[in-house]
Amino acid sequence: MKRSLLILILPLTFSIANAQKIYSVDYENQADVKVYVVDYENQADLKVYKVKYENQAGKNDGKWYFTKYANQAKKKIFFAKYENQADLKIFFVDYKNQAGWRKNSKKSLLY
């Protein structure tokens, strides 16, 4: 019985660890991914929704939780000033159901 309970709990633990927890760094060389915020949804690779609580963050589906400290985040991002400096173009959406990838080719950047 304990063994089967353990088998059920372990995958849940790993799914929580895969949440899109993001930390915004001040310098480009500290970042895992450089992002640029575009003006229009159709220019973006990823549509991002900022969630209020850590447990609402998604698994690479555009639902981001911004952490207070770098060591709490899965990915560190730098907001680039110019589009051509970025690895990923994002657009912030107003509703959770709008979040998601527009270009799956860039999806590996946030794994």
C-alpha atoms as a PDB file:
ATOM      1  CA  MET A   1       0.000   0.000   0.000  1.00  0.00           C
ATOM      2  CA  LYS A   2       2.785   2.441   0.893  1.00  0.00           C
ATOM      3  CA  ARG A   3       4.617   1.582  -2.286  1.00  0.00           C
ATOM      4  CA  SER A   4       1.619   2.308  -4.513  1.00  0.00           C
ATOM      5  CA  LEU A   5       1.049   5.598  -2.684  1.00  0.00           C
ATOM      6  CA  LEU A   6       4.665   6.532  -3.307  1.00  0.00           C
ATOM      7  CA  ILE A   7       4.298   5.703  -6.997  1.00  0.00           C
ATOM      8  CA  LEU A   8       1.316   8.050  -7.215  1.00  0.00           C
ATOM      9  CA  ILE A   9       2.994  10.906  -5.342  1.00  0.00           C
ATOM     10  CA  LEU A  10       6.322  10.975  -7.218  1.00  0.00           C
ATOM     11  CA  PRO A  11       4.901  12.057 -10.602  1.00  0.00           C
ATOM     12  CA  LEU A  12       2.987  14.862  -8.899  1.00  0.00           C
ATOM     13  CA  THR A  13       6.192  16.097  -7.304  1.00  0.00           C
ATOM     14  CA  PHE A  14       7.954  16.233 -10.644  1.00  0.00           C
ATOM     15  CA  SER A  15       5.052  17.982 -12.361  1.00  0.00           C
ATOM     16  CA  ILE A  16       5.192  20.724  -9.736  1.00  0.00           C
ATOM     17  CA  ALA A  17       8.927  21.125 -10.325  1.00  0.00           C
ATOM     18  CA  ASN A  18       8.315  21.682 -14.052  1.00  0.00           C
ATOM     19  CA  ALA A  19       6.162  24.763 -13.530  1.00  0.00           C
ATOM     20  CA  GLN A  20       7.106  27.842 -15.544  1.00  0.00           C
ATOM     21  CA  LYS A  21       8.674  29.810 -12.765  1.00  0.00           C
ATOM     22  CA  ILE A  22      10.502  32.775 -14.235  1.00  0.00           C
ATOM     23  CA  TYR A  23      12.949  35.301 -12.843  1.00  0.00           C
ATOM     24  CA  SER A  24      13.793  38.527 -14.659  1.00  0.00           C
ATOM     25  CA  VAL A  25      17.514  39.328 -14.504  1.00  0.00           C
ATOM     26  CA  ASP A  26      19.152  42.731 -14.906  1.00  0.00           C
ATOM     27  CA  TYR A  27      21.968  41.691 -17.226  1.00  0.00           C
ATOM     28  CA  GLU A  28      21.924  39.787 -20.500  1.00  0.00           C
ATOM     29  CA  ASN A  29      24.764  37.438 -19.524  1.00  0.00           C
ATOM     30  CA  GLN A  30      22.772  36.167 -16.498  1.00  0.00           C
ATOM     31  CA  ALA A  31      19.833  34.985 -18.612  1.00  0.00           C
ATOM     32  CA  ASP A  32      18.924  31.578 -19.953  1.00  0.00           C
ATOM     33  CA  VAL A  33      16.646  33.201 -22.539  1.00  0.00           C
ATOM     34  CA  LYS A  34      16.474  36.720 -23.948  1.00  0.00           C
ATOM     35  CA  VAL A  35      12.912  37.881 -24.616  1.00  0.00           C
ATOM     36  CA  TYR A  36      11.386  40.820 -26.403  1.00  0.00           C
ATOM     37  CA  VAL A  37       7.837  42.012 -25.774  1.00  0.00           C
ATOM     38  CA  VAL A  38       6.102  42.688 -29.085  1.00  0.00           C
ATOM     39  CA  ASP A  39       3.253  45.146 -29.639  1.00  0.00           C
ATOM     40  CA  TYR A  40       0.894  42.768 -31.404  1.00  0.00           C
ATOM     41  CA  GLU A  41      -0.188  39.204 -30.691  1.00  0.00           C
ATOM     42  CA  ASN A  42       0.491  37.981 -34.231  1.00  0.00           C
ATOM     43  CA  GLN A  43       4.187  38.959 -33.930  1.00  0.00           C
ATOM     44  CA  ALA A  44       4.799  36.734 -30.900  1.00  0.00           C
ATOM     45  CA  ASP A  45       6.273  33.266 -30.609  1.00  0.00           C
ATOM     46  CA  LEU A  46       4.590  32.831 -27.224  1.00  0.00           C
ATOM     47  CA  LYS A  47       1.541  34.456 -25.648  1.00  0.00           C
ATOM     48  CA  VAL A  48       2.182  34.837 -21.916  1.00  0.00           C
ATOM     49  CA  TYR A  49      -0.242  35.164 -19.020  1.00  0.00           C
ATOM     50  CA  LYS A  50       1.207  36.236 -15.669  1.00  0.00           C
ATOM     51  CA  VAL A  51      -0.338  34.171 -12.869  1.00  0.00           C
ATOM     52  CA  LYS A  52      -0.597  35.471  -9.311  1.00  0.00           C
ATOM     53  CA  TYR A  53       0.345  32.304  -7.473  1.00  0.00           C
ATOM     54  CA  GLU A  54       3.111  29.751  -7.990  1.00  0.00           C
ATOM     55  CA  ASN A  55       0.719  26.789  -8.099  1.00  0.00           C
ATOM     56  CA  GLN A  56      -1.114  28.343 -11.075  1.00  0.00           C
ATOM     57  CA  ALA A  57       1.965  28.304 -13.305  1.00  0.00           C
ATOM     58  CA  GLY A  58       1.824  26.032 -16.314  1.00  0.00           C
ATOM     59  CA  LYS A  59       4.235  23.567 -17.832  1.00  0.00           C
ATOM     60  CA  ASN A  60       5.707  25.444 -20.781  1.00  0.00           C
ATOM     61  CA  ASP A  61       2.286  26.639 -21.894  1.00  0.00           C
ATOM     62  CA  GLY A  62       2.655  30.389 -21.426  1.00  0.00           C
ATOM     63  CA  LYS A  63       1.421  30.654 -17.840  1.00  0.00           C
ATOM     64  CA  TRP A  64       4.311  32.291 -16.013  1.00  0.00           C
ATOM     65  CA  TYR A  65       4.890  32.948 -12.357  1.00  0.00           C
ATOM     66  CA  PHE A  66       7.572  35.553 -11.667  1.00  0.00           C
ATOM     67  CA  THR A  67       9.625  34.606  -8.604  1.00  0.00           C
ATOM     68  CA  LYS A  68      11.215  37.037  -6.152  1.00  0.00           C
ATOM     69  CA  TYR A  69      14.568  35.245  -6.195  1.00  0.00           C
ATOM     70  CA  ALA A  70      16.646  33.722  -8.983  1.00  0.00           C
ATOM     71  CA  ASN A  71      17.178  30.401  -7.195  1.00  0.00           C
ATOM     72  CA  GLN A  72      13.403  29.799  -7.100  1.00  0.00           C
ATOM     73  CA  ALA A  73      13.030  30.032 -10.878  1.00  0.00           C
ATOM     74  CA  LYS A  74      13.291  27.371 -13.533  1.00  0.00           C
ATOM     75  CA  LYS A  75      14.330  29.913 -16.169  1.00  0.00           C
ATOM     76  CA  LYS A  76      15.983  33.305 -15.956  1.00  0.00           C
ATOM     77  CA  ILE A  77      15.003  35.791 -18.643  1.00  0.00           C
ATOM     78  CA  PHE A  78      16.345  39.119 -19.809  1.00  0.00           C
ATOM     79  CA  PHE A  79      14.069  41.650 -21.481  1.00  0.00           C
ATOM     80  CA  ALA A  80      15.930  42.825 -24.595  1.00  0.00           C
ATOM     81  CA  LYS A  81      15.581  46.398 -25.846  1.00  0.00           C
ATOM     82  CA  TYR A  82      15.494  45.383 -29.495  1.00  0.00           C
ATOM     83  CA  GLU A  83      13.701  42.565 -31.269  1.00  0.00           C
ATOM     84  CA  ASN A  84      16.798  41.308 -33.077  1.00  0.00           C
ATOM     85  CA  GLN A  85      18.599  40.739 -29.746  1.00  0.00           C
ATOM     86  CA  ALA A  86      15.963  38.306 -28.466  1.00  0.00           C
ATOM     87  CA  ASP A  87      15.752  34.538 -28.618  1.00  0.00           C
ATOM     88  CA  LEU A  88      12.004  34.623 -28.026  1.00  0.00           C
ATOM     89  CA  LYS A  89       9.268  37.151 -28.810  1.00  0.00           C
ATOM     90  CA  ILE A  90       6.413  37.280 -26.306  1.00  0.00           C
ATOM     91  CA  PHE A  91       3.094  39.067 -25.980  1.00  0.00           C
ATOM     92  CA  PHE A  92       1.341  39.470 -22.625  1.00  0.00           C
ATOM     93  CA  VAL A  93      -2.343  38.503 -22.732  1.00  0.00           C
ATOM     94  CA  ASP A  94      -5.150  39.479 -20.373  1.00  0.00           C
ATOM     95  CA  TYR A  95      -6.758  36.068 -19.910  1.00  0.00           C
ATOM     96  CA  LYS A  96      -5.353  32.675 -18.930  1.00  0.00           C
ATOM     97  CA  ASN A  97      -7.062  30.829 -21.792  1.00  0.00           C
ATOM     98  CA  GLN A  98      -5.274  33.031 -24.366  1.00  0.00           C
ATOM     99  CA  ALA A  99      -1.800  31.882 -23.292  1.00  0.00           C
ATOM    100  CA  GLY A 100       0.155  29.448 -25.423  1.00  0.00           C
ATOM    101  CA  TRP A 101       2.658  28.899 -28.175  1.00  0.00           C
ATOM    102  CA  ARG A 102       2.174  30.354 -31.623  1.00  0.00           C
ATOM    103  CA  LYS A 103       5.456  28.893 -32.938  1.00  0.00           C
ATOM    104  CA  ASN A 104       6.310  25.455 -31.579  1.00  0.00           C
ATOM    105  CA  SER A 105       9.847  25.676 -33.004  1.00  0.00           C
ATOM    106  CA  LYS A 106      10.854  27.925 -30.074  1.00  0.00           C
ATOM    107  CA  LYS A 107       9.274  25.711 -27.399  1.00  0.00           C
ATOM    108  CA  SER A 108      12.577  24.059 -26.489  1.00  0.00           C
ATOM    109  CA  LEU A 109      13.951  27.369 -25.171  1.00  0.00           C
ATOM    110  CA  LEU A 110      11.879  27.050 -22.008  1.00  0.00           C
ATOM    111  CA  TYR A 111      12.394  23.361 -21.213  1.00  0.00           C
END
